[in-house]
Amino acid sequence: MARSSHPNKEIEAALRHAEANGWQIKVGGSHAWGRILCPYNNDECRCGEFCITSIWSTPKNSGNHARAILRVVNNCSEQVQLKAPRLKKVE
């Protein structure tokens, strides 16, 4: 079943990025629009601190909230380990 889309396009784009990286989105809740859940959710993944992140329906600054979602997804320690290491430029 398809989830409902977020009313803000910047946040919706960040949520699509999270889904593309395997994060699960649960819509609903009391004050939050929903939550994103890390697919790796283990003890070594930054102590589990960022494995669940709230998505606000009407944040004060939607651009900053979208960037914060992207930062959580992109800085997931398990995901960073899966990416290929960057090679240093030899001069």
C-alpha atoms as a PDB file:
ATOM      1  CA  MET A   1       0.000   0.000   0.000  1.00  0.00           C
ATOM      2  CA  ALA A   2       1.347   3.409  -0.941  1.00  0.00           C
ATOM      3  CA  ARG A   3       1.880   5.919   1.822  1.00  0.00           C
ATOM      4  CA  SER A   4       0.367   9.394   1.789  1.00  0.00           C
ATOM      5  CA  SER A   5       2.667  12.129   0.553  1.00  0.00           C
ATOM      6  CA  HIS A   6       3.954  14.900   2.795  1.00  0.00           C
ATOM      7  CA  PRO A   7       2.330  18.305   2.108  1.00  0.00           C
ATOM      8  CA  ASN A   8       5.730  20.016   1.736  1.00  0.00           C
ATOM      9  CA  LYS A   9       7.629  19.180  -1.465  1.00  0.00           C
ATOM     10  CA  GLU A  10      11.128  19.603   0.068  1.00  0.00           C
ATOM     11  CA  ILE A  11      10.344  17.210   2.907  1.00  0.00           C
ATOM     12  CA  GLU A  12       8.651  14.791   0.490  1.00  0.00           C
ATOM     13  CA  ALA A  13      11.830  14.755  -1.626  1.00  0.00           C
ATOM     14  CA  ALA A  14      13.889  13.980   1.495  1.00  0.00           C
ATOM     15  CA  LEU A  15      11.469  11.172   2.395  1.00  0.00           C
ATOM     16  CA  ARG A  16      11.789   9.678  -1.095  1.00  0.00           C
ATOM     17  CA  HIS A  17      15.575   9.775  -0.672  1.00  0.00           C
ATOM     18  CA  ALA A  18      15.208   7.948   2.648  1.00  0.00           C
ATOM     19  CA  GLU A  19      12.989   5.301   1.039  1.00  0.00           C
ATOM     20  CA  ALA A  20      15.505   4.844  -1.775  1.00  0.00           C
ATOM     21  CA  ASN A  21      18.139   4.097   0.878  1.00  0.00           C
ATOM     22  CA  GLY A  22      15.984   1.468   2.577  1.00  0.00           C
ATOM     23  CA  TRP A  23      14.498   3.546   5.400  1.00  0.00           C
ATOM     24  CA  GLN A  24      10.924   2.697   6.362  1.00  0.00           C
ATOM     25  CA  ILE A  25       8.362   5.488   6.736  1.00  0.00           C
ATOM     26  CA  LYS A  26       5.494   5.153   9.207  1.00  0.00           C
ATOM     27  CA  VAL A  27       2.810   7.783   8.707  1.00  0.00           C
ATOM     28  CA  GLY A  28       0.747   8.863  11.705  1.00  0.00           C
ATOM     29  CA  GLY A  29       1.243   9.847  15.278  1.00  0.00           C
ATOM     30  CA  SER A  30       0.158  12.581  17.605  1.00  0.00           C
ATOM     31  CA  HIS A  31       2.236  15.702  16.936  1.00  0.00           C
ATOM     32  CA  ALA A  32       4.406  14.368  14.146  1.00  0.00           C
ATOM     33  CA  TRP A  33       3.352  13.615  10.558  1.00  0.00           C
ATOM     34  CA  GLY A  34       5.255  10.355  10.832  1.00  0.00           C
ATOM     35  CA  ARG A  35       8.599   8.711  11.548  1.00  0.00           C
ATOM     36  CA  ILE A  36      11.446   7.245   9.536  1.00  0.00           C
ATOM     37  CA  LEU A  37      13.073   4.052  10.763  1.00  0.00           C
ATOM     38  CA  CYS A  38      16.629   2.971  10.005  1.00  0.00           C
ATOM     39  CA  PRO A  39      16.797  -0.371   8.176  1.00  0.00           C
ATOM     40  CA  TYR A  40      19.928  -1.375  10.133  1.00  0.00           C
ATOM     41  CA  ASN A  41      18.711  -0.367  13.652  1.00  0.00           C
ATOM     42  CA  ASN A  42      21.425  -2.090  15.667  1.00  0.00           C
ATOM     43  CA  ASP A  43      23.435  -1.178  18.763  1.00  0.00           C
ATOM     44  CA  GLU A  44      26.531  -0.181  16.769  1.00  0.00           C
ATOM     45  CA  CYS A  45      24.619   2.301  14.618  1.00  0.00           C
ATOM     46  CA  ARG A  46      25.347   5.512  16.551  1.00  0.00           C
ATOM     47  CA  CYS A  47      23.973   3.950  19.760  1.00  0.00           C
ATOM     48  CA  GLY A  48      20.515   3.727  18.177  1.00  0.00           C
ATOM     49  CA  GLU A  49      20.082   7.466  18.763  1.00  0.00           C
ATOM     50  CA  PHE A  50      19.125   8.364  15.195  1.00  0.00           C
ATOM     51  CA  CYS A  51      17.506   5.079  14.167  1.00  0.00           C
ATOM     52  CA  ILE A  52      14.060   6.643  14.583  1.00  0.00           C
ATOM     53  CA  THR A  53      13.505  10.239  13.495  1.00  0.00           C
ATOM     54  CA  SER A  54      10.266  12.233  13.654  1.00  0.00           C
ATOM     55  CA  ILE A  55       8.903  13.970  10.578  1.00  0.00           C
ATOM     56  CA  TRP A  56       6.975  17.121  11.445  1.00  0.00           C
ATOM     57  CA  SER A  57       3.917  18.098   9.439  1.00  0.00           C
ATOM     58  CA  THR A  58       4.434  21.862   9.748  1.00  0.00           C
ATOM     59  CA  PRO A  59       8.016  22.641  10.794  1.00  0.00           C
ATOM     60  CA  LYS A  60       9.038  26.256  11.378  1.00  0.00           C
ATOM     61  CA  ASN A  61      11.513  26.047   8.487  1.00  0.00           C
ATOM     62  CA  SER A  62      10.719  23.225   6.078  1.00  0.00           C
ATOM     63  CA  GLY A  63      14.009  23.567   4.179  1.00  0.00           C
ATOM     64  CA  ASN A  64      16.046  23.067   7.341  1.00  0.00           C
ATOM     65  CA  HIS A  65      13.875  20.117   8.374  1.00  0.00           C
ATOM     66  CA  ALA A  66      14.340  18.484   4.948  1.00  0.00           C
ATOM     67  CA  ARG A  67      18.133  18.956   5.197  1.00  0.00           C
ATOM     68  CA  ALA A  68      18.082  17.459   8.698  1.00  0.00           C
ATOM     69  CA  ILE A  69      16.293  14.367   7.359  1.00  0.00           C
ATOM     70  CA  LEU A  70      18.867  14.046   4.571  1.00  0.00           C
ATOM     71  CA  ARG A  71      21.693  14.436   7.095  1.00  0.00           C
ATOM     72  CA  VAL A  72      20.301  11.636   9.291  1.00  0.00           C
ATOM     73  CA  VAL A  73      19.904   9.296   6.302  1.00  0.00           C
ATOM     74  CA  ASN A  74      23.256  10.110   4.696  1.00  0.00           C
ATOM     75  CA  ASN A  75      25.228   9.942   7.959  1.00  0.00           C
ATOM     76  CA  CYS A  76      23.853   6.571   9.049  1.00  0.00           C
ATOM     77  CA  SER A  77      27.009   4.751  10.156  1.00  0.00           C
ATOM     78  CA  GLU A  78      25.939   1.420   8.646  1.00  0.00           C
ATOM     79  CA  GLN A  79      25.114   3.061   5.320  1.00  0.00           C
ATOM     80  CA  VAL A  80      28.395   4.987   5.253  1.00  0.00           C
ATOM     81  CA  GLN A  81      30.306   1.707   5.705  1.00  0.00           C
ATOM     82  CA  LEU A  82      28.483   0.178   2.733  1.00  0.00           C
ATOM     83  CA  LYS A  83      29.555   2.952   0.365  1.00  0.00           C
ATOM     84  CA  ALA A  84      32.860   2.677  -1.436  1.00  0.00           C
ATOM     85  CA  PRO A  85      35.711   4.567   0.236  1.00  0.00           C
ATOM     86  CA  ARG A  86      36.863   7.761  -1.406  1.00  0.00           C
ATOM     87  CA  LEU A  87      40.272   7.681  -2.974  1.00  0.00           C
ATOM     88  CA  LYS A  88      42.699  10.451  -2.155  1.00  0.00           C
ATOM     89  CA  LYS A  89      43.943  12.456  -5.074  1.00  0.00           C
ATOM     90  CA  VAL A  90      47.632  11.811  -5.707  1.00  0.00           C
ATOM     91  CA  GLU A  91      49.559  14.777  -6.992  1.00  0.00           C
END
